[in-house]
């Protein structure tokens, strides 16, 4: 437990930020999971739509500072390679 007012405030801020960060990262992970499921199939249109949603979600997370830019670029690159292989 916090001993000072400022430590208590920091603890409150941390819990709020942790919740928003976890929500954003969960959304990205869920989009990645649906993207991988779409890539397993043979429908290229479905996979392309899933890829677009994933890229949008991860870009939003990067913009908010939730995900590192290089990590997002690495994920997007692997997704585009997998899409190209599907063709």
PDB file of N, CA and C in Angstrom:
ATOM      1  N   UNK A   1       0.843  -1.185   0.000  1.00  0.00           N
ATOM      2  CA  UNK A   1       0.000   0.000   0.000  1.00  0.00           C
ATOM      3  C   UNK A   1       0.879   1.236   0.000  1.00  0.00           C
ATOM      4  N   UNK A   2       0.404   2.273  -0.655  1.00  0.00           N
ATOM      5  CA  UNK A   2       1.171   3.504  -0.770  1.00  0.00           C
ATOM      6  C   UNK A   2       1.237   4.242   0.559  1.00  0.00           C
ATOM      7  N   UNK A   3       2.386   4.835   0.815  1.00  0.00           N
ATOM      8  CA  UNK A   3       2.575   5.565   2.067  1.00  0.00           C
ATOM      9  C   UNK A   3       2.307   7.050   1.932  1.00  0.00           C
ATOM     10  N   UNK A   4       2.341   7.576   0.726  1.00  0.00           N
ATOM     11  CA  UNK A   4       2.129   9.011   0.523  1.00  0.00           C
ATOM     12  C   UNK A   4       0.999   9.231  -0.474  1.00  0.00           C
ATOM     13  N   UNK A   5       0.519  10.469  -0.507  1.00  0.00           N
ATOM     14  CA  UNK A   5      -0.543  10.806  -1.456  1.00  0.00           C
ATOM     15  C   UNK A   5      -0.083  10.612  -2.891  1.00  0.00           C
ATOM     16  N   UNK A   6       1.144  11.042  -3.164  1.00  0.00           N
ATOM     17  CA  UNK A   6       1.646  10.946  -4.536  1.00  0.00           C
ATOM     18  C   UNK A   6       1.823   9.486  -4.953  1.00  0.00           C
ATOM     19  N   UNK A   7       2.251   8.623  -4.038  1.00  0.00           N
ATOM     20  CA  UNK A   7       2.410   7.201  -4.352  1.00  0.00           C
ATOM     21  C   UNK A   7       1.049   6.555  -4.598  1.00  0.00           C
ATOM     22  N   UNK A   8       0.033   6.999  -3.837  1.00  0.00           N
ATOM     23  CA  UNK A   8      -1.317   6.469  -4.040  1.00  0.00           C
ATOM     24  C   UNK A   8      -1.845   6.886  -5.409  1.00  0.00           C
ATOM     25  N   UNK A   9      -1.579   8.140  -5.786  1.00  0.00           N
ATOM     26  CA  UNK A   9      -2.015   8.620  -7.090  1.00  0.00           C
ATOM     27  C   UNK A   9      -1.323   7.839  -8.207  1.00  0.00           C
ATOM     28  N   UNK A  10      -0.021   7.612  -8.069  1.00  0.00           N
ATOM     29  CA  UNK A  10       0.713   6.854  -9.068  1.00  0.00           C
ATOM     30  C   UNK A  10       0.159   5.428  -9.181  1.00  0.00           C
ATOM     31  N   UNK A  11      -0.227   4.852  -8.060  1.00  0.00           N
ATOM     32  CA  UNK A  11      -0.794   3.502  -8.088  1.00  0.00           C
ATOM     33  C   UNK A  11      -2.121   3.492  -8.838  1.00  0.00           C
ATOM     34  N   UNK A  12      -2.952   4.528  -8.616  1.00  0.00           N
ATOM     35  CA  UNK A  12      -4.221   4.630  -9.338  1.00  0.00           C
ATOM     36  C   UNK A  12      -3.985   4.797 -10.834  1.00  0.00           C
ATOM     37  N   UNK A  13      -3.026   5.656 -11.192  1.00  0.00           N
ATOM     38  CA  UNK A  13      -2.718   5.874 -12.600  1.00  0.00           C
ATOM     39  C   UNK A  13      -2.212   4.592 -13.260  1.00  0.00           C
ATOM     40  N   UNK A  14      -1.389   3.861 -12.531  1.00  0.00           N
ATOM     41  CA  UNK A  14      -0.828   2.628 -13.074  1.00  0.00           C
ATOM     42  C   UNK A  14      -1.910   1.601 -13.354  1.00  0.00           C
ATOM     43  N   UNK A  15      -2.880   1.484 -12.456  1.00  0.00           N
ATOM     44  CA  UNK A  15      -3.946   0.508 -12.688  1.00  0.00           C
ATOM     45  C   UNK A  15      -4.789   0.898 -13.898  1.00  0.00           C
ATOM     46  N   UNK A  16      -5.065   2.201 -14.056  1.00  0.00           N
ATOM     47  CA  UNK A  16      -5.829   2.663 -15.217  1.00  0.00           C
ATOM     48  C   UNK A  16      -5.063   2.418 -16.514  1.00  0.00           C
ATOM     49  N   UNK A  17      -3.796   2.782 -16.513  1.00  0.00           N
ATOM     50  CA  UNK A  17      -2.986   2.619 -17.725  1.00  0.00           C
ATOM     51  C   UNK A  17      -2.790   1.152 -18.067  1.00  0.00           C
ATOM     52  N   UNK A  18      -2.613   0.322 -17.049  1.00  0.00           N
ATOM     53  CA  UNK A  18      -2.453  -1.107 -17.290  1.00  0.00           C
ATOM     54  C   UNK A  18      -3.691  -1.676 -17.956  1.00  0.00           C
ATOM     55  N   UNK A  19      -4.846  -1.235 -17.512  1.00  0.00           N
ATOM     56  CA  UNK A  19      -6.099  -1.712 -18.092  1.00  0.00           C
ATOM     57  C   UNK A  19      -6.221  -1.313 -19.561  1.00  0.00           C
ATOM     58  N   UNK A  20      -5.923  -0.061 -19.880  1.00  0.00           N
ATOM     59  CA  UNK A  20      -6.028   0.378 -21.270  1.00  0.00           C
ATOM     60  C   UNK A  20      -4.978  -0.289 -22.145  1.00  0.00           C
ATOM     61  N   UNK A  21      -3.764  -0.467 -21.614  1.00  0.00           N
ATOM     62  CA  UNK A  21      -2.715  -1.142 -22.379  1.00  0.00           C
ATOM     63  C   UNK A  21      -3.103  -2.588 -22.651  1.00  0.00           C
ATOM     64  N   UNK A  22      -3.613  -3.262 -21.648  1.00  0.00           N
ATOM     65  CA  UNK A  22      -3.997  -4.662 -21.802  1.00  0.00           C
ATOM     66  C   UNK A  22      -5.142  -4.797 -22.806  1.00  0.00           C
ATOM     67  N   UNK A  23      -6.081  -3.857 -22.773  1.00  0.00           N
ATOM     68  CA  UNK A  23      -7.202  -3.891 -23.712  1.00  0.00           C
ATOM     69  C   UNK A  23      -6.704  -3.735 -25.147  1.00  0.00           C
ATOM     70  N   UNK A  24      -5.779  -2.816 -25.364  1.00  0.00           N
ATOM     71  CA  UNK A  24      -5.243  -2.584 -26.707  1.00  0.00           C
ATOM     72  C   UNK A  24      -4.445  -3.792 -27.193  1.00  0.00           C
ATOM     73  N   UNK A  25      -3.619  -4.355 -26.326  1.00  0.00           N
ATOM     74  CA  UNK A  25      -2.801  -5.495 -26.721  1.00  0.00           C
ATOM     75  C   UNK A  25      -3.649  -6.734 -26.970  1.00  0.00           C
ATOM     76  N   UNK A  26      -4.712  -6.893 -26.213  1.00  0.00           N
ATOM     77  CA  UNK A  26      -5.617  -8.017 -26.429  1.00  0.00           C
ATOM     78  C   UNK A  26      -6.300  -7.895 -27.778  1.00  0.00           C
ATOM     79  N   UNK A  27      -6.687  -6.673 -28.138  1.00  0.00           N
ATOM     80  CA  UNK A  27      -7.312  -6.454 -29.444  1.00  0.00           C
ATOM     81  C   UNK A  27      -6.347  -6.813 -30.568  1.00  0.00           C
ATOM     82  N   UNK A  28      -5.096  -6.427 -30.428  1.00  0.00           N
ATOM     83  CA  UNK A  28      -4.092  -6.743 -31.444  1.00  0.00           C
ATOM     84  C   UNK A  28      -3.892  -8.255 -31.539  1.00  0.00           C
ATOM     85  N   UNK A  29      -3.794  -8.911 -30.394  1.00  0.00           N
ATOM     86  CA  UNK A  29      -3.591 -10.362 -30.388  1.00  0.00           C
ATOM     87  C   UNK A  29      -4.783 -11.097 -30.998  1.00  0.00           C
ATOM     88  N   UNK A  30      -5.976 -10.626 -30.707  1.00  0.00           N
ATOM     89  CA  UNK A  30      -7.167 -11.257 -31.285  1.00  0.00           C
ATOM     90  C   UNK A  30      -7.194 -11.076 -32.801  1.00  0.00           C
ATOM     91  N   UNK A  31      -6.830  -9.894 -33.276  1.00  0.00           N
ATOM     92  CA  UNK A  31      -6.790  -9.658 -34.714  1.00  0.00           C
ATOM     93  C   UNK A  31      -5.733 -10.549 -35.375  1.00  0.00           C
ATOM     94  N   UNK A  32      -4.607 -10.725 -34.691  1.00  0.00           N
ATOM     95  CA  UNK A  32      -3.554 -11.587 -35.227  1.00  0.00           C
ATOM     96  C   UNK A  32      -4.023 -13.035 -35.305  1.00  0.00           C
ATOM     97  N   UNK A  33      -4.769 -13.441 -34.295  1.00  0.00           N
ATOM     98  CA  UNK A  33      -5.289 -14.810 -34.281  1.00  0.00           C
ATOM     99  C   UNK A  33      -6.277 -15.034 -35.424  1.00  0.00           C
ATOM    100  N   UNK A  34      -7.178 -14.082 -35.650  1.00  0.00           N
ATOM    101  CA  UNK A  34      -8.134 -14.230 -36.754  1.00  0.00           C
ATOM    102  C   UNK A  34      -7.411 -14.154 -38.095  1.00  0.00           C
ATOM    103  N   UNK A  35      -6.352 -13.350 -38.151  1.00  0.00           N
ATOM    104  CA  UNK A  35      -5.561 -13.253 -39.367  1.00  0.00           C
ATOM    105  C   UNK A  35      -4.906 -14.599 -39.688  1.00  0.00           C
ATOM    106  N   UNK A  36      -4.336 -15.234 -38.692  1.00  0.00           N
ATOM    107  CA  UNK A  36      -3.685 -16.532 -38.907  1.00  0.00           C
ATOM    108  C   UNK A  36      -4.689 -17.610 -39.290  1.00  0.00           C
ATOM    109  N   UNK A  37      -5.883 -17.538 -38.709  1.00  0.00           N
ATOM    110  CA  UNK A  37      -6.927 -18.502 -39.077  1.00  0.00           C
ATOM    111  C   UNK A  37      -7.346 -18.293 -40.532  1.00  0.00           C
ATOM    112  N   UNK A  38      -7.446 -17.029 -40.956  1.00  0.00           N
ATOM    113  CA  UNK A  38      -7.830 -16.735 -42.332  1.00  0.00           C
ATOM    114  C   UNK A  38      -6.750 -17.197 -43.303  1.00  0.00           C
ATOM    115  N   UNK A  39      -5.489 -17.120 -42.888  1.00  0.00           N
ATOM    116  CA  UNK A  39      -4.400 -17.558 -43.753  1.00  0.00           C
ATOM    117  C   UNK A  39      -4.369 -19.075 -43.922  1.00  0.00           C
ATOM    118  N   UNK A  40      -4.900 -19.784 -42.939  1.00  0.00           N
ATOM    119  CA  UNK A  40      -4.939 -21.245 -43.044  1.00  0.00           C
ATOM    120  C   UNK A  40      -5.905 -21.703 -44.138  1.00  0.00           C
ATOM    121  N   UNK A  41      -6.921 -20.914 -44.386  1.00  0.00           N
ATOM    122  CA  UNK A  41      -7.901 -21.252 -45.404  1.00  0.00           C
ATOM    123  C   UNK A  41      -7.372 -20.946 -46.791  1.00  0.00           C
ATOM    124  N   UNK A  42      -8.256 -21.095 -47.764  1.00  0.00           N
ATOM    125  CA  UNK A  42      -7.853 -20.853 -49.146  1.00  0.00           C
ATOM    126  C   UNK A  42      -8.482 -19.584 -49.720  1.00  0.00           C
ATOM    127  N   UNK A  43      -9.346 -18.931 -48.962  1.00  0.00           N
ATOM    128  CA  UNK A  43     -10.030 -17.733 -49.443  1.00  0.00           C
ATOM    129  C   UNK A  43      -9.124 -16.514 -49.290  1.00  0.00           C
ATOM    130  N   UNK A  44      -8.589 -16.039 -50.403  1.00  0.00           N
ATOM    131  CA  UNK A  44      -7.654 -14.912 -50.367  1.00  0.00           C
ATOM    132  C   UNK A  44      -8.349 -13.610 -49.983  1.00  0.00           C
ATOM    133  N   UNK A  45      -9.599 -13.435 -50.403  1.00  0.00           N
ATOM    134  CA  UNK A  45     -10.327 -12.205 -50.077  1.00  0.00           C
ATOM    135  C   UNK A  45     -10.538 -12.093 -48.569  1.00  0.00           C
ATOM    136  N   UNK A  46     -10.877 -13.204 -47.943  1.00  0.00           N
ATOM    137  CA  UNK A  46     -11.093 -13.213 -46.494  1.00  0.00           C
ATOM    138  C   UNK A  46      -9.779 -12.918 -45.766  1.00  0.00           C
ATOM    139  N   UNK A  47      -8.693 -13.509 -46.247  1.00  0.00           N
ATOM    140  CA  UNK A  47      -7.381 -13.293 -45.629  1.00  0.00           C
ATOM    141  C   UNK A  47      -6.940 -11.841 -45.803  1.00  0.00           C
ATOM    142  N   UNK A  48      -7.211 -11.261 -46.950  1.00  0.00           N
ATOM    143  CA  UNK A  48      -6.839  -9.867 -47.197  1.00  0.00           C
ATOM    144  C   UNK A  48      -7.624  -8.926 -46.287  1.00  0.00           C
ATOM    145  N   UNK A  49      -8.897  -9.211 -46.103  1.00  0.00           N
ATOM    146  CA  UNK A  49      -9.716  -8.381 -45.204  1.00  0.00           C
ATOM    147  C   UNK A  49      -9.227  -8.505 -43.766  1.00  0.00           C
ATOM    148  N   UNK A  50      -8.892  -9.725 -43.345  1.00  0.00           N
ATOM    149  CA  UNK A  50      -8.390  -9.932 -41.984  1.00  0.00           C
ATOM    150  C   UNK A  50      -7.051  -9.221 -41.798  1.00  0.00           C
ATOM    151  N   UNK A  51      -6.224  -9.243 -42.835  1.00  0.00           N
ATOM    152  CA  UNK A  51      -4.925  -8.567 -42.768  1.00  0.00           C
ATOM    153  C   UNK A  51      -5.107  -7.062 -42.626  1.00  0.00           C
ATOM    154  N   UNK A  52      -6.056  -6.508 -43.351  1.00  0.00           N
ATOM    155  CA  UNK A  52      -6.308  -5.068 -43.270  1.00  0.00           C
ATOM    156  C   UNK A  52      -6.764  -4.670 -41.871  1.00  0.00           C
ATOM    157  N   UNK A  53      -7.617  -5.489 -41.272  1.00  0.00           N
ATOM    158  CA  UNK A  53      -8.081  -5.201 -39.907  1.00  0.00           C
ATOM    159  C   UNK A  53      -6.932  -5.306 -38.906  1.00  0.00           C
ATOM    160  N   UNK A  54      -6.065  -6.309 -39.098  1.00  0.00           N
ATOM    161  CA  UNK A  54      -4.933  -6.480 -38.200  1.00  0.00           C
ATOM    162  C   UNK A  54      -3.976  -5.297 -38.299  1.00  0.00           C
ATOM    163  N   UNK A  55      -3.674  -4.875 -39.520  1.00  0.00           N
ATOM    164  CA  UNK A  55      -2.760  -3.752 -39.717  1.00  0.00           C
ATOM    165  C   UNK A  55      -3.343  -2.488 -39.103  1.00  0.00           C
ATOM    166  N   UNK A  56      -4.637  -2.301 -39.251  1.00  0.00           N
ATOM    167  CA  UNK A  56      -5.281  -1.129 -38.657  1.00  0.00           C
ATOM    168  C   UNK A  56      -5.176  -1.163 -37.134  1.00  0.00           C
ATOM    169  N   UNK A  57      -5.442  -2.323 -36.550  1.00  0.00           N
ATOM    170  CA  UNK A  57      -5.403  -2.444 -35.092  1.00  0.00           C
ATOM    171  C   UNK A  57      -3.995  -2.219 -34.556  1.00  0.00           C
ATOM    172  N   UNK A  58      -3.007  -2.792 -35.220  1.00  0.00           N
ATOM    173  CA  UNK A  58      -1.640  -2.651 -34.713  1.00  0.00           C
ATOM    174  C   UNK A  58      -1.119  -1.237 -34.926  1.00  0.00           C
ATOM    175  N   UNK A  59      -1.539  -0.582 -36.022  1.00  0.00           N
ATOM    176  CA  UNK A  59      -1.130   0.805 -36.241  1.00  0.00           C
ATOM    177  C   UNK A  59      -1.727   1.726 -35.185  1.00  0.00           C
ATOM    178  N   UNK A  60      -2.955   1.469 -34.794  1.00  0.00           N
ATOM    179  CA  UNK A  60      -3.581   2.268 -33.735  1.00  0.00           C
ATOM    180  C   UNK A  60      -2.849   2.070 -32.417  1.00  0.00           C
ATOM    181  N   UNK A  61      -2.431   0.833 -32.142  1.00  0.00           N
ATOM    182  CA  UNK A  61      -1.698   0.557 -30.908  1.00  0.00           C
ATOM    183  C   UNK A  61      -0.332   1.250 -30.919  1.00  0.00           C
ATOM    184  N   UNK A  62       0.297   1.314 -32.081  1.00  0.00           N
ATOM    185  CA  UNK A  62       1.587   2.002 -32.193  1.00  0.00           C
ATOM    186  C   UNK A  62       1.398   3.499 -31.981  1.00  0.00           C
ATOM    187  N   UNK A  63       0.354   4.043 -32.591  1.00  0.00           N
ATOM    188  CA  UNK A  63       0.093   5.473 -32.475  1.00  0.00           C
ATOM    189  C   UNK A  63      -0.138   5.877 -31.022  1.00  0.00           C
ATOM    190  N   UNK A  64      -0.757   4.994 -30.263  1.00  0.00           N
ATOM    191  CA  UNK A  64      -1.037   5.287 -28.860  1.00  0.00           C
ATOM    192  C   UNK A  64       0.147   4.950 -27.959  1.00  0.00           C
ATOM    193  N   UNK A  65       1.203   4.349 -28.541  1.00  0.00           N
ATOM    194  CA  UNK A  65       2.375   4.018 -27.737  1.00  0.00           C
ATOM    195  C   UNK A  65       2.250   2.699 -27.007  1.00  0.00           C
ATOM    196  N   UNK A  66       1.317   1.876 -27.389  1.00  0.00           N
ATOM    197  CA  UNK A  66       1.100   0.599 -26.709  1.00  0.00           C
ATOM    198  C   UNK A  66       2.026  -0.497 -27.224  1.00  0.00           C
ATOM    199  N   UNK A  67       2.400  -0.390 -28.506  1.00  0.00           N
ATOM    200  CA  UNK A  67       3.254  -1.380 -29.157  1.00  0.00           C
ATOM    201  C   UNK A  67       4.426  -0.642 -29.788  1.00  0.00           C
ATOM    202  N   UNK A  68       5.595  -1.230 -29.746  1.00  0.00           N
ATOM    203  CA  UNK A  68       6.770  -0.606 -30.348  1.00  0.00           C
ATOM    204  C   UNK A  68       6.657  -0.625 -31.869  1.00  0.00           C
ATOM    205  N   UNK A  69       7.125   0.435 -32.491  1.00  0.00           N
ATOM    206  CA  UNK A  69       7.004   0.592 -33.938  1.00  0.00           C
ATOM    207  C   UNK A  69       7.700  -0.534 -34.701  1.00  0.00           C
ATOM    208  N   UNK A  70       8.892  -0.924 -34.258  1.00  0.00           N
ATOM    209  CA  UNK A  70       9.620  -1.976 -34.967  1.00  0.00           C
ATOM    210  C   UNK A  70       8.914  -3.321 -34.847  1.00  0.00           C
ATOM    211  N   UNK A  71       8.344  -3.591 -33.707  1.00  0.00           N
ATOM    212  CA  UNK A  71       7.597  -4.831 -33.504  1.00  0.00           C
ATOM    213  C   UNK A  71       6.389  -4.882 -34.429  1.00  0.00           C
ATOM    214  N   UNK A  72       5.706  -3.767 -34.548  1.00  0.00           N
ATOM    215  CA  UNK A  72       4.539  -3.702 -35.426  1.00  0.00           C
ATOM    216  C   UNK A  72       4.951  -3.900 -36.880  1.00  0.00           C
ATOM    217  N   UNK A  73       6.050  -3.265 -37.275  1.00  0.00           N
ATOM    218  CA  UNK A  73       6.515  -3.416 -38.646  1.00  0.00           C
ATOM    219  C   UNK A  73       6.917  -4.854 -38.942  1.00  0.00           C
ATOM    220  N   UNK A  74       7.519  -5.514 -37.967  1.00  0.00           N
ATOM    221  CA  UNK A  74       7.901  -6.917 -38.136  1.00  0.00           C
ATOM    222  C   UNK A  74       6.664  -7.782 -38.335  1.00  0.00           C
ATOM    223  N   UNK A  75       5.629  -7.538 -37.542  1.00  0.00           N
ATOM    224  CA  UNK A  75       4.390  -8.303 -37.670  1.00  0.00           C
ATOM    225  C   UNK A  75       3.739  -8.053 -39.032  1.00  0.00           C
ATOM    226  N   UNK A  76       3.679  -6.795 -39.432  1.00  0.00           N
ATOM    227  CA  UNK A  76       3.053  -6.454 -40.709  1.00  0.00           C
ATOM    228  C   UNK A  76       3.813  -7.076 -41.881  1.00  0.00           C
ATOM    229  N   UNK A  77       5.127  -7.118 -41.767  1.00  0.00           N
ATOM    230  CA  UNK A  77       5.933  -7.714 -42.815  1.00  0.00           C
ATOM    231  C   UNK A  77       5.655  -9.209 -42.942  1.00  0.00           C
ATOM    232  N   UNK A  78       5.587  -9.901 -41.814  1.00  0.00           N
ATOM    233  CA  UNK A  78       5.330 -11.342 -41.856  1.00  0.00           C
ATOM    234  C   UNK A  78       3.923 -11.634 -42.389  1.00  0.00           C
ATOM    235  N   UNK A  79       2.976 -10.765 -42.071  1.00  0.00           N
ATOM    236  CA  UNK A  79       1.611 -10.931 -42.570  1.00  0.00           C
ATOM    237  C   UNK A  79       1.565 -10.748 -44.091  1.00  0.00           C
ATOM    238  N   UNK A  80       2.281  -9.717 -44.581  1.00  0.00           N
ATOM    239  CA  UNK A  80       2.266  -9.482 -46.023  1.00  0.00           C
ATOM    240  C   UNK A  80       2.975 -10.599 -46.776  1.00  0.00           C
ATOM    241  N   UNK A  81       4.027 -11.156 -46.186  1.00  0.00           N
ATOM    242  CA  UNK A  81       4.714 -12.288 -46.816  1.00  0.00           C
ATOM    243  C   UNK A  81       3.784 -13.501 -46.888  1.00  0.00           C
ATOM    244  N   UNK A  82       3.040 -13.741 -45.811  1.00  0.00           N
ATOM    245  CA  UNK A  82       2.125 -14.869 -45.790  1.00  0.00           C
ATOM    246  C   UNK A  82       1.009 -14.668 -46.811  1.00  0.00           C
ATOM    247  N   UNK A  83       0.532 -13.437 -46.974  1.00  0.00           N
ATOM    248  CA  UNK A  83      -0.491 -13.142 -47.976  1.00  0.00           C
ATOM    249  C   UNK A  83       0.043 -13.372 -49.388  1.00  0.00           C
ATOM    250  N   UNK A  84       1.266 -12.975 -49.615  1.00  0.00           N
ATOM    251  CA  UNK A  84       1.871 -13.157 -50.933  1.00  0.00           C
ATOM    252  C   UNK A  84       2.031 -14.652 -51.254  1.00  0.00           C
ATOM    253  N   UNK A  85       2.350 -15.425 -50.252  1.00  0.00           N
ATOM    254  CA  UNK A  85       2.516 -16.865 -50.430  1.00  0.00           C
ATOM    255  C   UNK A  85       1.181 -17.541 -50.736  1.00  0.00           C
ATOM    256  N   UNK A  86       0.106 -16.963 -50.206  1.00  0.00           N
ATOM    257  CA  UNK A  86      -1.233 -17.522 -50.391  1.00  0.00           C
ATOM    258  C   UNK A  86      -1.705 -17.386 -51.833  1.00  0.00           C
ATOM    259  N   UNK A  87      -1.218 -16.383 -52.529  1.00  0.00           N
ATOM    260  CA  UNK A  87      -1.671 -16.089 -53.890  1.00  0.00           C
ATOM    261  C   UNK A  87      -1.387 -17.201 -54.878  1.00  0.00           C
TER     262      UNK A  87
END
